[in-house]
Protein backbone atom coordinates (compact mmCIF):
# COMPACT_ATOMS: atom_id res chain seq x y z
CA MET A 1 -33.16 -9.69 -0.34
CA ASN A 2 -30.54 -10.65 -2.87
CA ARG A 3 -27.98 -12.48 -0.62
CA THR A 4 -25.25 -11.95 -3.30
CA ARG A 5 -25.46 -8.11 -2.98
CA VAL A 6 -22.27 -6.87 -1.21
CA LEU A 7 -21.27 -3.28 -0.49
CA ILE A 8 -17.60 -2.51 -0.49
CA SER A 9 -16.44 0.78 1.01
CA GLY A 10 -13.15 1.81 -0.63
CA GLY A 11 -12.13 1.80 -4.34
CA GLY A 12 -8.44 1.22 -3.88
CA ILE A 13 -6.34 -1.98 -4.13
CA ALA A 14 -8.03 -4.11 -1.56
CA GLY A 15 -11.68 -3.02 -2.55
CA LEU A 16 -11.10 -3.43 -6.25
CA THR A 17 -9.40 -6.83 -5.88
CA CYS A 18 -12.32 -8.08 -3.75
CA ALA A 19 -14.93 -6.69 -6.02
CA ILE A 20 -13.36 -8.34 -9.21
CA GLU A 21 -13.23 -11.82 -7.49
CA LEU A 22 -16.67 -11.50 -6.05
CA LYS A 23 -18.06 -10.66 -9.46
CA ARG A 24 -16.30 -13.68 -10.91
CA HIS A 25 -17.86 -15.80 -8.20
CA GLY A 26 -21.42 -14.64 -9.08
CA PHE A 27 -21.88 -11.91 -6.44
CA THR A 28 -23.16 -8.35 -7.08
CA PRO A 29 -20.56 -6.05 -5.67
CA ILE A 30 -21.01 -2.34 -5.20
CA VAL A 31 -17.86 -0.30 -4.66
CA VAL A 32 -18.31 3.13 -3.08
CA GLU A 33 -15.35 5.52 -2.88
CA LYS A 34 -15.29 8.83 -1.18
CA GLU A 35 -12.82 10.38 -3.57
CA PRO A 36 -14.31 11.92 -6.75
CA GLY A 37 -12.22 9.56 -9.06
CA PRO A 38 -9.28 7.24 -9.08
CA ARG A 39 -6.32 8.64 -6.94
CA ALA A 40 -3.40 10.00 -8.64
CA GLU A 41 -1.14 10.45 -5.58
CA GLY A 42 1.04 7.60 -4.30
CA TYR A 43 4.60 6.41 -4.04
CA MET A 44 6.67 3.96 -6.04
CA MET A 45 6.91 0.40 -4.72
CA ASP A 46 8.38 -2.99 -5.45
CA PHE A 47 5.76 -5.47 -6.58
CA PHE A 48 6.60 -9.16 -6.17
CA GLY A 49 5.73 -12.02 -3.74
CA THR A 50 2.13 -12.26 -2.47
CA GLY A 51 0.98 -9.37 -4.71
CA TRP A 52 2.34 -10.92 -7.83
CA ASP A 53 0.87 -14.29 -6.77
CA VAL A 54 -2.66 -12.82 -6.41
CA ALA A 55 -2.28 -10.88 -9.75
CA GLU A 56 -1.17 -14.08 -11.50
CA ARG A 57 -4.21 -15.93 -10.15
CA MET A 58 -6.45 -12.91 -11.49
CA GLY A 59 -4.78 -13.02 -14.91
CA LEU A 60 -3.23 -9.48 -14.61
CA THR A 61 0.44 -10.13 -14.90
CA GLU A 62 0.62 -9.05 -18.63
CA ALA A 63 -0.88 -5.72 -17.50
CA LEU A 64 1.80 -5.49 -14.82
CA ARG A 65 4.61 -6.15 -17.17
CA GLN A 66 3.39 -3.39 -19.46
CA VAL A 67 3.99 -0.76 -16.86
CA CYS A 68 7.66 0.08 -17.60
CA TYR A 69 9.82 2.73 -15.98
CA PRO A 70 13.31 3.38 -17.12
CA ILE A 71 14.90 1.97 -14.05
CA ASP A 72 17.97 -0.32 -14.52
CA TRP A 73 19.89 0.24 -11.28
CA LEU A 74 19.35 0.70 -7.69
CA ALA A 75 21.90 2.80 -5.73
CA PHE A 76 22.53 4.16 -2.25
CA VAL A 77 24.43 7.36 -2.42
CA ASP A 78 26.39 9.61 -0.24
CA ARG A 79 26.17 13.44 0.25
CA THR A 80 27.95 13.93 -3.22
CA GLY A 81 25.79 11.55 -4.98
CA THR A 82 28.39 8.98 -5.25
CA PRO A 83 27.04 5.36 -4.95
CA TYR A 84 28.44 3.25 -2.01
CA CYS A 85 25.98 0.29 -2.81
CA ARG A 86 24.81 -0.31 -6.31
CA ALA A 87 22.99 -3.27 -7.91
CA PRO A 88 21.29 -3.90 -11.31
CA VAL A 89 17.57 -4.23 -11.25
CA ASP A 90 17.98 -7.40 -13.26
CA ARG A 91 19.65 -8.97 -10.20
CA LEU A 92 16.42 -8.37 -8.27
CA ARG A 93 14.38 -9.94 -11.16
CA GLU A 94 16.60 -12.94 -11.27
CA ALA A 95 16.38 -13.51 -7.51
CA LEU A 96 12.55 -13.43 -7.84
CA ASP A 97 12.29 -15.53 -11.03
CA ASN A 98 11.26 -12.46 -13.05
CA ARG A 99 8.06 -12.12 -10.95
CA TYR A 100 8.99 -8.50 -10.06
CA THR A 101 8.33 -4.92 -11.23
CA TYR A 102 8.34 -1.34 -10.10
CA LEU A 103 4.83 0.24 -9.89
CA ARG A 104 3.30 3.44 -8.51
CA ARG A 105 0.33 2.75 -6.26
CA PRO A 106 -1.94 4.55 -8.92
CA ASP A 107 -0.68 2.17 -11.57
CA LEU A 108 -1.83 -0.85 -9.59
CA GLU A 109 -5.18 0.77 -8.81
CA ARG A 110 -5.64 1.60 -12.55
CA ILE A 111 -4.91 -1.94 -13.58
CA LEU A 112 -7.45 -3.21 -11.12
CA LEU A 113 -10.00 -0.56 -12.08
CA ASP A 114 -9.65 -1.48 -15.70
CA GLU A 115 -10.37 -5.17 -14.86
CA ALA A 116 -13.28 -4.19 -12.67
CA ARG A 117 -14.88 -2.15 -15.41
CA ARG A 118 -14.40 -5.10 -17.82
CA ALA A 119 -16.22 -7.24 -15.32
CA LYS A 120 -19.00 -4.52 -15.10
CA VAL A 121 -18.47 -3.98 -11.37
CA GLU A 122 -20.62 -1.03 -10.31
CA ILE A 123 -18.36 1.71 -8.82
CA ARG A 124 -19.74 4.93 -7.35
CA TYR A 125 -17.29 7.65 -6.72
CA ALA A 126 -17.81 10.73 -4.41
CA ALA A 127 -19.95 8.49 -2.24
CA SER A 128 -19.41 8.35 1.58
CA ILE A 129 -21.12 6.19 4.27
CA GLU A 130 -23.03 8.05 7.00
CA SER A 131 -24.28 5.07 8.95
CA LEU A 132 -24.74 1.19 8.99
CA HIS A 133 -27.54 -0.65 10.67
CA GLU A 134 -27.66 -4.38 10.67
CA ASP A 135 -30.96 -6.22 10.80
CA ALA A 136 -32.07 -9.87 10.43
CA ASP A 137 -31.81 -9.80 6.64
CA GLY A 138 -28.63 -7.69 6.00
CA VAL A 139 -27.19 -4.18 6.44
CA SER A 140 -28.97 -0.98 5.69
CA VAL A 141 -26.52 1.58 4.54
CA VAL A 142 -27.25 5.43 4.53
CA PHE A 143 -24.85 7.51 2.62
CA LYS A 144 -24.09 11.22 3.35
CA ASP A 145 -26.05 12.34 0.30
CA GLY A 146 -29.13 10.67 1.70
CA GLY A 147 -29.01 7.64 -0.57
CA ARG A 148 -29.58 4.18 0.78
CA GLU A 149 -28.67 0.55 0.04
CA HIS A 150 -29.64 -2.71 1.63
CA VAL A 151 -27.09 -5.43 1.22
CA ALA A 152 -26.22 -8.82 2.54
CA VAL A 153 -22.80 -7.94 3.98
CA VAL A 154 -20.45 -4.79 4.07
CA ILE A 155 -16.74 -4.98 3.49
CA GLY A 156 -14.67 -2.14 4.70
CA ALA A 157 -11.70 -1.62 2.37
CA ASP A 158 -11.33 2.03 3.00
CA GLY A 159 -7.76 2.16 4.40
CA VAL A 160 -6.02 3.12 7.58
CA HIS A 161 -8.51 5.86 8.40
CA SER A 162 -11.47 3.47 7.74
CA ARG A 163 -15.01 4.99 8.18
CA VAL A 164 -16.57 1.50 8.29
CA ARG A 165 -14.11 0.39 11.08
CA GLU A 166 -15.10 3.60 12.99
CA LEU A 167 -18.86 2.90 12.68
CA VAL A 168 -18.63 -0.75 13.75
CA PHE A 169 -15.55 -1.14 15.88
CA GLY A 170 -15.10 2.36 17.39
CA ALA A 171 -12.43 5.14 17.19
CA GLU A 172 -9.28 4.71 15.30
CA ALA A 173 -7.06 5.51 18.21
CA GLN A 174 -7.65 2.11 19.94
CA PHE A 175 -6.15 0.20 17.06
CA ALA A 176 -3.54 2.68 15.72
CA ARG A 177 0.20 2.42 16.51
CA PHE A 178 2.31 5.28 15.27
CA LEU A 179 5.74 4.25 14.35
CA GLY A 180 7.38 7.64 14.57
CA LEU A 181 7.68 8.37 10.81
CA TYR A 182 5.89 10.31 8.05
CA VAL A 183 5.85 9.52 4.38
CA VAL A 184 5.60 12.20 1.75
CA ALA A 185 5.68 11.42 -1.95
CA PHE A 186 5.12 13.19 -5.33
CA HIS A 187 6.20 13.31 -8.93
CA MET A 188 7.60 16.30 -10.74
CA PRO A 189 9.70 17.29 -13.76
CA ARG A 190 13.37 16.04 -13.45
CA GLY A 191 14.57 19.55 -13.76
CA GLY A 192 18.17 18.51 -14.38
CA PHE A 193 18.35 16.50 -11.17
CA PRO A 194 20.90 13.68 -11.67
CA ILE A 195 18.62 10.53 -11.62
CA ALA A 196 19.35 8.92 -15.01
CA ASP A 197 18.21 5.31 -15.06
CA THR A 198 18.76 4.62 -11.30
CA VAL A 199 16.68 4.58 -8.21
CA LYS A 200 18.80 6.62 -5.95
CA ILE A 201 18.47 6.51 -2.22
CA TYR A 202 20.00 9.11 0.07
CA GLU A 203 20.07 8.86 3.98
CA GLU A 204 20.72 11.15 6.76
CA PRO A 205 19.98 10.95 10.46
CA ASP A 206 16.06 10.96 10.83
CA ARG A 207 15.37 11.35 7.16
CA MET A 208 15.53 9.18 3.91
CA THR A 209 14.77 10.21 0.30
CA MET A 210 14.29 7.94 -2.72
CA PHE A 211 14.23 9.23 -6.29
CA TYR A 212 12.88 7.24 -9.26
CA PRO A 213 12.92 7.96 -12.91
CA LEU A 214 9.44 7.90 -14.45
CA ASP A 215 10.44 8.80 -17.97
CA ARG A 216 12.85 11.29 -19.66
CA GLU A 217 10.98 14.15 -18.25
CA ARG A 218 9.56 13.18 -14.90
CA MET A 219 10.83 11.80 -11.69
CA ASP A 220 9.07 10.48 -8.49
CA ALA A 221 10.34 11.44 -4.99
CA THR A 222 9.53 9.70 -1.67
CA TYR A 223 10.68 11.09 1.67
CA ILE A 224 10.43 9.23 4.99
CA LEU A 225 10.92 11.50 8.03
CA ARG A 226 11.22 10.75 11.73
CA HIS A 227 9.04 13.21 13.67
CA ALA A 228 6.81 13.33 16.75
CA GLU A 229 3.11 12.72 16.04
CA ILE A 230 1.23 15.74 14.46
CA ASP A 231 -2.40 16.36 13.62
CA LEU A 232 -2.54 15.54 9.88
CA ARG A 233 -5.80 17.33 9.37
CA HIS A 234 -4.38 20.80 10.02
CA ASN A 235 -0.97 20.46 8.55
CA ASP A 236 0.44 22.09 5.37
CA ARG A 237 2.08 19.10 3.66
CA LEU A 238 4.51 20.95 1.59
CA ALA A 239 5.57 23.30 4.38
CA PHE A 240 5.99 20.32 6.67
CA LEU A 241 8.29 18.62 4.20
CA ARG A 242 10.48 21.68 3.43
CA GLU A 243 10.81 22.34 7.11
CA GLN A 244 12.08 18.72 7.71
CA VAL A 245 14.65 18.79 4.88
CA ASN A 246 16.22 22.18 5.59
CA GLY A 247 19.81 21.55 5.71
CA ALA A 248 19.66 18.10 3.99
CA ARG A 249 22.55 17.46 1.56
CA TRP A 250 22.92 16.24 -1.95
CA ILE A 251 19.57 17.04 -3.83
CA ALA A 252 17.18 16.11 -0.95
CA ARG A 253 16.46 19.71 -0.03
CA ASP A 254 16.55 21.02 -3.51
CA VAL A 255 13.96 18.57 -4.86
CA ALA A 256 11.45 19.57 -2.07
CA TYR A 257 11.80 23.21 -2.93
CA ALA A 258 11.61 22.64 -6.73
CA TYR A 259 8.32 20.83 -6.36
CA ASP A 260 5.60 23.29 -7.31
CA GLY A 261 2.59 21.61 -5.96
CA ASP A 262 0.95 21.01 -9.39
CA ALA A 263 0.96 17.24 -9.06
CA PRO A 264 -0.88 15.61 -6.10
CA ILE A 265 1.20 14.93 -2.94
CA TYR A 266 0.81 11.92 -0.85
CA PHE A 267 1.27 12.59 2.87
CA ASP A 268 0.49 10.16 5.75
CA SER A 269 1.94 8.70 8.95
CA ALA A 270 3.56 5.40 9.19
CA THR A 271 0.82 4.06 11.44
CA GLN A 272 -0.05 0.38 11.86
CA ILE A 273 -3.54 -0.91 12.58
CA GLU A 274 -3.66 -3.77 15.06
CA MET A 275 -7.08 -5.44 15.61
CA PRO A 276 -7.87 -8.72 17.47
CA GLN A 277 -10.95 -9.31 15.33
CA TRP A 278 -11.46 -8.40 11.61
CA HIS A 279 -15.16 -8.94 11.45
CA ARG A 280 -18.28 -8.28 13.41
CA GLY A 281 -21.81 -9.27 12.53
CA ARG A 282 -22.36 -8.78 8.69
CA VAL A 283 -19.23 -6.50 8.32
CA ALA A 284 -15.64 -7.51 7.56
CA LEU A 285 -12.41 -5.41 7.07
CA ILE A 286 -9.73 -6.05 4.51
CA GLY A 287 -6.48 -4.43 3.62
CA ASP A 288 -5.14 -1.43 5.62
CA ALA A 289 -8.51 -0.98 7.42
CA CYS A 290 -7.70 -4.02 9.63
CA GLY A 291 -4.00 -4.79 9.13
CA CYS A 292 -2.09 -1.82 7.91
CA LEU A 293 1.66 -2.71 7.80
CA THR A 294 2.90 0.61 6.66
CA LEU A 295 5.33 1.32 3.85
CA LEU A 296 8.21 -0.07 6.03
CA ALA A 297 7.07 -3.58 5.41
CA GLY A 298 7.17 -3.18 1.63
CA GLN A 299 4.08 -5.38 1.33
CA GLY A 300 1.00 -3.36 2.08
CA SER A 301 -0.48 -3.65 -1.37
CA HIS A 302 0.49 -7.35 -1.52
CA MET A 303 -1.51 -8.05 1.59
CA ALA A 304 -4.41 -5.88 0.46
CA MET A 305 -4.76 -7.97 -2.70
CA ALA A 306 -4.53 -11.18 -0.64
CA GLY A 307 -7.26 -9.85 1.73
CA GLY A 308 -9.59 -9.16 -1.08
CA TYR A 309 -8.88 -12.32 -2.94
CA VAL A 310 -9.23 -14.65 0.15
CA LEU A 311 -12.44 -13.00 1.39
CA ALA A 312 -14.18 -13.31 -1.95
CA ARG A 313 -13.22 -16.98 -2.28
CA GLU A 314 -14.38 -17.68 1.32
CA LEU A 315 -17.69 -16.06 0.81
CA LYS A 316 -18.13 -18.23 -2.24
CA ARG A 317 -17.29 -21.44 -0.41
CA HIS A 318 -19.48 -20.90 2.61
CA ALA A 319 -23.17 -20.74 2.86
CA ASP A 320 -23.24 -18.03 5.54
CA HIS A 321 -21.20 -15.03 6.14
CA GLU A 322 -20.03 -15.85 9.70
CA SER A 323 -18.20 -18.96 8.50
CA ALA A 324 -16.70 -17.16 5.47
CA PHE A 325 -15.47 -14.26 7.66
CA ALA A 326 -13.97 -16.68 10.24
CA ALA A 327 -12.22 -18.60 7.45
CA TYR A 328 -10.80 -15.51 5.80
CA GLN A 329 -9.41 -14.29 9.19
CA ALA A 330 -7.91 -17.74 10.03
CA VAL A 331 -6.10 -17.88 6.66
CA LEU A 332 -4.68 -14.31 6.51
CA LYS A 333 -4.46 -12.87 10.04
CA PRO A 334 -1.36 -14.95 11.31
CA HIS A 335 0.60 -13.71 8.24
CA VAL A 336 -0.45 -10.17 8.69
CA ASP A 337 0.25 -10.16 12.37
CA ALA A 338 3.79 -11.66 11.80
CA LYS A 339 4.70 -9.08 9.20
CA ARG A 340 3.27 -6.26 11.37
CA ARG A 341 5.45 -7.23 14.20
CA GLN A 342 8.46 -7.55 11.86
CA SER A 343 7.99 -4.12 10.34
CA ALA A 344 7.41 -2.51 13.89
CA ARG A 345 10.81 -3.90 14.93
CA TYR A 346 12.32 -2.59 11.66
CA ALA A 347 10.92 0.94 12.12
CA SER A 348 13.72 2.04 14.28
CA LEU A 349 16.33 0.81 11.69
CA PHE A 350 14.58 1.79 8.40
CA VAL A 351 15.63 5.41 8.71
CA PRO A 352 19.08 6.04 10.25
CA GLN A 353 19.23 7.75 13.61
CA LYS A 354 21.97 10.01 15.03
CA SER A 355 23.25 7.00 17.03
CA SER A 356 23.46 4.74 13.92
CA TRP A 357 26.74 3.51 12.80
CA PRO A 358 26.96 4.43 9.05
CA TRP A 359 29.83 2.01 8.31
CA LEU A 360 27.75 -0.97 9.64
CA ARG A 361 24.67 0.10 7.79
CA ARG A 362 26.58 0.38 4.56
CA LEU A 363 28.21 -2.89 5.02
CA THR A 364 24.82 -4.58 5.59
CA LEU A 365 23.43 -3.03 2.53
CA ARG A 366 26.31 -4.27 0.39
CA MET A 367 25.90 -7.78 1.69
CA LEU A 368 22.02 -7.80 1.13
CA PHE A 369 22.30 -6.54 -2.41
CA SER A 370 25.35 -8.69 -3.52
CA LYS A 371 24.68 -11.31 -6.07
CA PRO A 372 25.41 -14.26 -3.67
CA LEU A 373 22.97 -13.02 -1.01
CA MET A 374 20.31 -11.28 -3.10
CA LYS A 375 17.96 -14.36 -3.12
CA TYR A 376 18.17 -14.75 0.61
CA GLY A 377 17.82 -11.04 1.16
CA MET A 378 14.56 -10.91 -0.91
CA ARG A 379 13.17 -13.89 1.19
CA LEU A 380 13.52 -11.51 4.15
CA PHE A 381 11.31 -8.94 2.38
CA GLY A 382 8.55 -11.38 1.50
CA ALA A 383 9.56 -13.15 -1.74
CA GLN A 384 7.49 -16.13 -0.67
CA SER A 385 3.77 -15.67 -1.18
CA VAL A 386 1.77 -16.14 2.01
CA LEU A 387 -0.88 -17.76 -0.26
CA ALA A 388 1.49 -20.39 -1.70
CA ASP A 389 -0.46 -23.24 -0.17
CA TYR A 390 -4.01 -21.55 -0.32
CA ARG A 391 -6.37 -22.84 -3.08
């Protein structure tokens, strides 16, 4: 068997990062993705810190800088749309030494996909794993369409609801920790909504909305909603959103009702994944499959890229997969665990509650986004790469 042949389940940020790096190190990665093509749904995110560090090492920062949204300001607004905390985005960039940008998750996936295709990584869409069977020489993989592969190792990069994790480690429920929030995101025509060149954030008890300009005609909307746990498989996403924002002020309710459903909608729970071990036998997990931090941490994509990058390097450095997997986990897991605990503590504060003190919340925001404290504030949110000392 070709010992460099690696199957990666998941064609998202973690999987593509790992595949690119494995290819550069002389491996033969095969990426399988259950979706029929690259995903278009996803929310806007700040990209800096660990993610920027990995992208820089991969030679992708020029592509990052080419993604440009007309965002000049960040503002928290009241029920009339009047800002009570406002900061120029250039202040963020300055605090992060210009290693910062806004990206939608599909943007980052596209940049990685373009690089993977340039590297001639084999990517198979609409491919789902049915079973895994480890033997003395590797792992036999059976796909739902009946196809088969025999590879040296399998990497599960298939997200919070990982099929690989389920097959190797057991049911998701034993690792999942629901944080009491749901995230809904989509893009749509601006339709006269007063967004201009500003990210506008509006909060009410148990719900938060963030609106981003994409261009002169379109905007991106992200809702974070506090709600008891529901069954995602049997829920009408749009109906759920509209029910939760009935009575919301400013434009929060109106945007949800103006969305016509033409563009894809992202909908998922804020659920962390906590695992004592990230590998078993010839199978290892990366990204959200083993250490989902949720959107609350603001670093899910950063740690996904770090996972793919470190695992690829450790597989190159070690003669056997056991040592490589152990080294990968030793490097990254302490950082992921720390950020997971931090974001879990933050969950009750991220979206205001009925018992929250608005005046204190507004004062804190003004302090964090002020020019003297911005650099310190960004350190709290992961400005320092966790791989700063990793080579």
